Amino acid sequence: MIGSAVVSLPWAFQQAGLFLGCSISFSSFVVSYYTCHLIIHCARKDSDFSDTVRRYYGKYFSPPLTVAHTGTFGFYSGALMSAFLLYGVLIVYFVIQTQLLYPLTLAVYAWTSGN
């Protein structure tokens, strides 16, 4: 879901222009919203995602599903990969913030000093 392209999004937005950048951002929002809706619909009343992972990868495997039965290993790997994904989002956020810190600091310095 996230990769190195996320880091270049501010540059891509600047190169695309205001109208195209806003329309691409809005279409990305619609796709992200629909994906979140599907995840919530899949999990339903499962508050911590453990029952959903156990249903698809754990002991309670039902034959109509096309997912392979992996038992305890599948359950723990599914739970850890969800946490890993959230950790990746934090890393990308901090990378973007550190890339913007120096130019923003220079802009504030130039604005306050009058240079």
N, C-alpha and C. Protein backbone atom coordinates (compact mmCIF):
# COMPACT_ATOMS: atom_id res chain seq x y z
N MET A 1 0.80 -1.19 0.00
CA MET A 1 0.00 0.00 0.00
C MET A 1 0.85 1.26 0.00
N ILE A 2 1.94 1.25 0.71
CA ILE A 2 2.79 2.42 0.72
C ILE A 2 4.17 2.02 0.23
N GLY A 3 4.79 2.93 -0.45
CA GLY A 3 6.13 2.66 -0.95
C GLY A 3 6.90 3.95 -1.07
N SER A 4 7.92 3.90 -1.87
CA SER A 4 8.77 5.08 -2.03
C SER A 4 8.06 6.20 -2.79
N ALA A 5 7.01 5.87 -3.51
CA ALA A 5 6.28 6.91 -4.25
C ALA A 5 5.59 7.89 -3.32
N VAL A 6 5.26 7.47 -2.11
CA VAL A 6 4.58 8.35 -1.16
C VAL A 6 5.47 9.53 -0.79
N VAL A 7 6.78 9.30 -0.74
CA VAL A 7 7.71 10.36 -0.38
C VAL A 7 7.76 11.45 -1.45
N SER A 8 7.49 11.09 -2.69
CA SER A 8 7.56 12.06 -3.78
C SER A 8 6.22 12.72 -4.08
N LEU A 9 5.22 12.48 -3.28
CA LEU A 9 3.90 13.08 -3.54
C LEU A 9 3.89 14.61 -3.51
N PRO A 10 4.58 15.28 -2.58
CA PRO A 10 4.57 16.75 -2.64
C PRO A 10 5.16 17.30 -3.96
N TRP A 11 6.22 16.70 -4.44
CA TRP A 11 6.81 17.14 -5.71
C TRP A 11 5.85 16.88 -6.86
N ALA A 12 5.20 15.72 -6.87
CA ALA A 12 4.26 15.39 -7.93
C ALA A 12 3.05 16.34 -7.91
N PHE A 13 2.61 16.71 -6.71
CA PHE A 13 1.50 17.65 -6.60
C PHE A 13 1.90 19.01 -7.15
N GLN A 14 3.12 19.44 -6.88
CA GLN A 14 3.59 20.72 -7.39
C GLN A 14 3.70 20.71 -8.90
N GLN A 15 4.20 19.62 -9.47
CA GLN A 15 4.37 19.54 -10.92
C GLN A 15 3.03 19.41 -11.65
N ALA A 16 2.02 18.81 -11.00
CA ALA A 16 0.74 18.58 -11.66
C ALA A 16 -0.09 19.86 -11.76
N GLY A 17 0.09 20.78 -10.85
CA GLY A 17 -0.72 21.99 -10.85
C GLY A 17 -1.88 21.86 -9.88
N LEU A 18 -2.59 22.95 -9.69
CA LEU A 18 -3.62 22.99 -8.66
C LEU A 18 -4.83 22.14 -9.02
N PHE A 19 -5.38 22.28 -10.22
CA PHE A 19 -6.60 21.56 -10.58
C PHE A 19 -6.35 20.06 -10.69
N LEU A 20 -5.32 19.66 -11.43
CA LEU A 20 -5.03 18.23 -11.60
C LEU A 20 -4.59 17.61 -10.29
N GLY A 21 -3.81 18.33 -9.49
CA GLY A 21 -3.38 17.81 -8.19
C GLY A 21 -4.55 17.58 -7.26
N CYS A 22 -5.49 18.53 -7.23
CA CYS A 22 -6.67 18.36 -6.38
C CYS A 22 -7.55 17.22 -6.86
N SER A 23 -7.70 17.07 -8.17
CA SER A 23 -8.54 15.98 -8.68
C SER A 23 -7.89 14.62 -8.42
N ILE A 24 -6.57 14.53 -8.55
CA ILE A 24 -5.88 13.28 -8.24
C ILE A 24 -5.97 12.98 -6.75
N SER A 25 -5.84 14.00 -5.92
CA SER A 25 -5.97 13.80 -4.47
C SER A 25 -7.38 13.35 -4.11
N PHE A 26 -8.38 13.92 -4.75
CA PHE A 26 -9.75 13.53 -4.45
C PHE A 26 -10.02 12.10 -4.91
N SER A 27 -9.53 11.72 -6.08
CA SER A 27 -9.73 10.34 -6.53
C SER A 27 -8.99 9.35 -5.63
N SER A 28 -7.83 9.74 -5.14
CA SER A 28 -7.11 8.90 -4.18
C SER A 28 -7.89 8.77 -2.88
N PHE A 29 -8.54 9.85 -2.45
CA PHE A 29 -9.38 9.81 -1.26
C PHE A 29 -10.54 8.85 -1.46
N VAL A 30 -11.18 8.88 -2.62
CA VAL A 30 -12.32 8.00 -2.87
C VAL A 30 -11.89 6.53 -2.82
N VAL A 31 -10.76 6.21 -3.44
CA VAL A 31 -10.27 4.83 -3.43
C VAL A 31 -9.90 4.40 -2.01
N SER A 32 -9.25 5.28 -1.26
CA SER A 32 -8.88 4.96 0.12
C SER A 32 -10.11 4.78 1.00
N TYR A 33 -11.10 5.62 0.82
CA TYR A 33 -12.33 5.50 1.59
C TYR A 33 -13.03 4.19 1.29
N TYR A 34 -13.10 3.82 0.02
CA TYR A 34 -13.74 2.56 -0.36
C TYR A 34 -12.98 1.36 0.21
N THR A 35 -11.65 1.42 0.21
CA THR A 35 -10.85 0.35 0.79
C THR A 35 -11.10 0.22 2.29
N CYS A 36 -11.15 1.35 2.99
CA CYS A 36 -11.47 1.31 4.43
C CYS A 36 -12.86 0.76 4.66
N HIS A 37 -13.81 1.11 3.80
CA HIS A 37 -15.16 0.58 3.93
C HIS A 37 -15.17 -0.94 3.78
N LEU A 38 -14.41 -1.46 2.83
CA LEU A 38 -14.33 -2.91 2.64
C LEU A 38 -13.69 -3.60 3.83
N ILE A 39 -12.67 -3.00 4.40
CA ILE A 39 -12.01 -3.59 5.58
C ILE A 39 -12.96 -3.61 6.76
N ILE A 40 -13.69 -2.52 6.97
CA ILE A 40 -14.64 -2.46 8.08
C ILE A 40 -15.77 -3.47 7.85
N HIS A 41 -16.23 -3.59 6.62
CA HIS A 41 -17.28 -4.56 6.32
C HIS A 41 -16.80 -5.99 6.52
N CYS A 42 -15.55 -6.26 6.21
CA CYS A 42 -14.97 -7.59 6.38
C CYS A 42 -14.83 -7.94 7.86
N ALA A 43 -14.39 -6.99 8.65
CA ALA A 43 -14.16 -7.25 10.07
C ALA A 43 -15.45 -7.21 10.88
N ARG A 44 -16.41 -6.43 10.47
CA ARG A 44 -17.69 -6.24 11.14
C ARG A 44 -17.55 -5.94 12.61
N LYS A 45 -17.81 -6.92 13.48
CA LYS A 45 -17.82 -6.66 14.92
C LYS A 45 -16.52 -7.06 15.59
N ASP A 46 -15.49 -7.27 14.83
CA ASP A 46 -14.19 -7.68 15.38
C ASP A 46 -13.39 -6.42 15.70
N SER A 47 -13.26 -6.10 16.98
CA SER A 47 -12.64 -4.84 17.37
C SER A 47 -11.13 -4.83 17.23
N ASP A 48 -10.47 -5.97 17.39
CA ASP A 48 -9.01 -5.97 17.32
C ASP A 48 -8.46 -6.79 16.15
N PHE A 49 -9.30 -7.19 15.21
CA PHE A 49 -8.90 -7.85 13.96
C PHE A 49 -8.41 -9.28 14.17
N SER A 50 -8.39 -9.77 15.41
CA SER A 50 -7.87 -11.12 15.65
C SER A 50 -8.84 -12.19 15.16
N ASP A 51 -10.15 -11.98 15.34
CA ASP A 51 -11.11 -12.98 14.87
C ASP A 51 -11.13 -13.08 13.35
N THR A 52 -10.97 -11.94 12.68
CA THR A 52 -10.96 -11.95 11.22
C THR A 52 -9.73 -12.69 10.70
N VAL A 53 -8.58 -12.43 11.29
CA VAL A 53 -7.36 -13.14 10.86
C VAL A 53 -7.48 -14.63 11.16
N ARG A 54 -8.03 -14.97 12.31
CA ARG A 54 -8.19 -16.38 12.67
C ARG A 54 -9.19 -17.06 11.72
N ARG A 55 -10.21 -16.32 11.30
CA ARG A 55 -11.21 -16.90 10.40
C ARG A 55 -10.60 -17.24 9.04
N TYR A 56 -9.72 -16.38 8.54
CA TYR A 56 -9.16 -16.61 7.21
C TYR A 56 -7.88 -17.43 7.22
N TYR A 57 -7.09 -17.36 8.29
CA TYR A 57 -5.81 -18.05 8.30
C TYR A 57 -5.65 -19.05 9.44
N GLY A 58 -6.49 -19.01 10.42
CA GLY A 58 -6.30 -19.82 11.61
C GLY A 58 -7.02 -21.14 11.57
N LYS A 59 -7.44 -21.61 12.73
CA LYS A 59 -8.04 -22.93 12.87
C LYS A 59 -9.42 -23.02 12.23
N TYR A 60 -10.17 -21.94 12.21
CA TYR A 60 -11.56 -21.98 11.75
C TYR A 60 -11.64 -21.73 10.26
N PHE A 61 -11.06 -22.61 9.49
CA PHE A 61 -11.00 -22.47 8.04
C PHE A 61 -12.25 -23.09 7.44
N SER A 62 -12.95 -22.33 6.61
CA SER A 62 -14.13 -22.89 5.94
C SER A 62 -13.79 -23.15 4.48
N PRO A 63 -14.19 -24.29 3.92
CA PRO A 63 -13.80 -24.69 2.57
C PRO A 63 -14.17 -23.73 1.44
N PRO A 64 -15.27 -22.94 1.49
CA PRO A 64 -15.55 -22.07 0.35
C PRO A 64 -14.50 -20.99 0.12
N LEU A 65 -13.71 -20.66 1.13
CA LEU A 65 -12.71 -19.61 0.96
C LEU A 65 -11.55 -20.13 0.12
N THR A 66 -10.93 -19.25 -0.59
CA THR A 66 -9.81 -19.64 -1.44
C THR A 66 -8.47 -19.39 -0.77
N VAL A 67 -8.47 -19.11 0.52
CA VAL A 67 -7.22 -18.85 1.25
C VAL A 67 -6.72 -20.16 1.83
N ALA A 68 -5.41 -20.39 1.74
CA ALA A 68 -4.84 -21.64 2.24
C ALA A 68 -4.85 -21.66 3.76
N HIS A 69 -5.04 -22.84 4.33
CA HIS A 69 -5.03 -23.01 5.79
C HIS A 69 -3.59 -23.03 6.26
N THR A 70 -3.22 -22.07 7.09
CA THR A 70 -1.84 -22.00 7.57
C THR A 70 -1.74 -22.15 9.08
N GLY A 71 -2.86 -22.27 9.78
CA GLY A 71 -2.84 -22.54 11.21
C GLY A 71 -2.32 -21.37 12.04
N THR A 72 -1.61 -21.71 13.10
CA THR A 72 -1.13 -20.71 14.05
C THR A 72 -0.13 -19.75 13.41
N PHE A 73 0.72 -20.27 12.54
CA PHE A 73 1.68 -19.40 11.85
C PHE A 73 0.97 -18.33 11.03
N GLY A 74 -0.08 -18.70 10.31
CA GLY A 74 -0.84 -17.74 9.52
C GLY A 74 -1.53 -16.70 10.37
N PHE A 75 -2.04 -17.14 11.52
CA PHE A 75 -2.70 -16.19 12.43
C PHE A 75 -1.72 -15.15 12.95
N TYR A 76 -0.58 -15.59 13.46
CA TYR A 76 0.40 -14.65 14.01
C TYR A 76 1.05 -13.79 12.94
N SER A 77 1.30 -14.35 11.77
CA SER A 77 1.90 -13.54 10.72
C SER A 77 0.90 -12.50 10.20
N GLY A 78 -0.37 -12.85 10.12
CA GLY A 78 -1.38 -11.87 9.72
C GLY A 78 -1.52 -10.74 10.71
N ALA A 79 -1.47 -11.08 12.00
CA ALA A 79 -1.55 -10.04 13.04
C ALA A 79 -0.31 -9.15 13.04
N LEU A 80 0.87 -9.74 12.86
CA LEU A 80 2.11 -8.95 12.85
C LEU A 80 2.22 -8.08 11.61
N MET A 81 1.76 -8.56 10.46
CA MET A 81 1.85 -7.77 9.25
C MET A 81 0.94 -6.54 9.32
N SER A 82 -0.18 -6.64 10.01
CA SER A 82 -1.04 -5.46 10.20
C SER A 82 -0.31 -4.40 11.02
N ALA A 83 0.36 -4.84 12.08
CA ALA A 83 1.13 -3.89 12.89
C ALA A 83 2.31 -3.33 12.10
N PHE A 84 2.93 -4.16 11.27
CA PHE A 84 4.06 -3.72 10.44
C PHE A 84 3.63 -2.64 9.44
N LEU A 85 2.43 -2.79 8.89
CA LEU A 85 1.90 -1.80 7.96
C LEU A 85 1.72 -0.45 8.64
N LEU A 86 1.20 -0.46 9.86
CA LEU A 86 1.04 0.79 10.60
C LEU A 86 2.39 1.43 10.92
N TYR A 87 3.39 0.61 11.20
CA TYR A 87 4.73 1.11 11.45
C TYR A 87 5.32 1.76 10.19
N GLY A 88 5.03 1.18 9.03
CA GLY A 88 5.49 1.76 7.77
C GLY A 88 4.89 3.12 7.50
N VAL A 89 3.63 3.30 7.87
CA VAL A 89 2.97 4.60 7.70
C VAL A 89 3.67 5.66 8.55
N LEU A 90 4.02 5.29 9.78
CA LEU A 90 4.74 6.24 10.65
C LEU A 90 6.10 6.61 10.07
N ILE A 91 6.81 5.65 9.51
CA ILE A 91 8.12 5.94 8.92
C ILE A 91 7.98 6.91 7.75
N VAL A 92 7.01 6.67 6.88
CA VAL A 92 6.81 7.55 5.72
C VAL A 92 6.43 8.95 6.18
N TYR A 93 5.59 9.05 7.21
CA TYR A 93 5.19 10.36 7.73
C TYR A 93 6.41 11.13 8.23
N PHE A 94 7.27 10.48 8.99
CA PHE A 94 8.44 11.17 9.52
C PHE A 94 9.46 11.50 8.44
N VAL A 95 9.56 10.69 7.40
CA VAL A 95 10.46 11.01 6.28
C VAL A 95 9.98 12.27 5.58
N ILE A 96 8.67 12.36 5.33
CA ILE A 96 8.13 13.56 4.69
C ILE A 96 8.32 14.78 5.57
N GLN A 97 8.10 14.64 6.86
CA GLN A 97 8.26 15.77 7.77
C GLN A 97 9.72 16.25 7.83
N THR A 98 10.67 15.32 7.82
CA THR A 98 12.07 15.74 7.86
C THR A 98 12.50 16.38 6.56
N GLN A 99 11.92 15.97 5.43
CA GLN A 99 12.24 16.61 4.16
C GLN A 99 11.70 18.04 4.11
N LEU A 100 10.61 18.29 4.78
CA LEU A 100 10.01 19.62 4.75
C LEU A 100 10.53 20.53 5.86
N LEU A 101 11.24 19.99 6.85
CA LEU A 101 11.67 20.80 7.99
C LEU A 101 12.68 21.87 7.59
N TYR A 102 13.69 21.52 6.82
CA TYR A 102 14.73 22.49 6.45
C TYR A 102 14.17 23.63 5.59
N PRO A 103 13.41 23.36 4.51
CA PRO A 103 12.87 24.49 3.75
C PRO A 103 11.91 25.37 4.56
N LEU A 104 11.13 24.76 5.43
CA LEU A 104 10.23 25.56 6.26
C LEU A 104 10.99 26.40 7.26
N THR A 105 12.06 25.86 7.82
CA THR A 105 12.89 26.63 8.74
C THR A 105 13.53 27.82 8.03
N LEU A 106 14.03 27.59 6.82
CA LEU A 106 14.60 28.70 6.05
C LEU A 106 13.56 29.74 5.70
N ALA A 107 12.35 29.31 5.37
CA ALA A 107 11.28 30.26 5.03
C ALA A 107 10.89 31.10 6.24
N VAL A 108 10.79 30.48 7.41
CA VAL A 108 10.46 31.23 8.63
C VAL A 108 11.58 32.19 8.98
N TYR A 109 12.83 31.76 8.82
CA TYR A 109 13.97 32.64 9.10
C TYR A 109 13.98 33.84 8.15
N ALA A 110 13.74 33.57 6.86
CA ALA A 110 13.74 34.66 5.90
C ALA A 110 12.58 35.63 6.15
N TRP A 111 11.45 35.10 6.57
CA TRP A 111 10.29 35.94 6.83
C TRP A 111 10.49 36.80 8.08
N THR A 112 11.08 36.21 9.11
CA THR A 112 11.25 36.97 10.35
C THR A 112 12.42 37.95 10.29
N SER A 113 13.45 37.61 9.54
CA SER A 113 14.62 38.50 9.48
C SER A 113 14.53 39.53 8.37
N GLY A 114 13.62 39.33 7.43
CA GLY A 114 13.46 40.28 6.34
C GLY A 114 14.45 40.08 5.20
N ASN A 115 15.14 38.95 5.16
CA ASN A 115 16.10 38.66 4.08
C ASN A 115 15.42 38.07 2.88
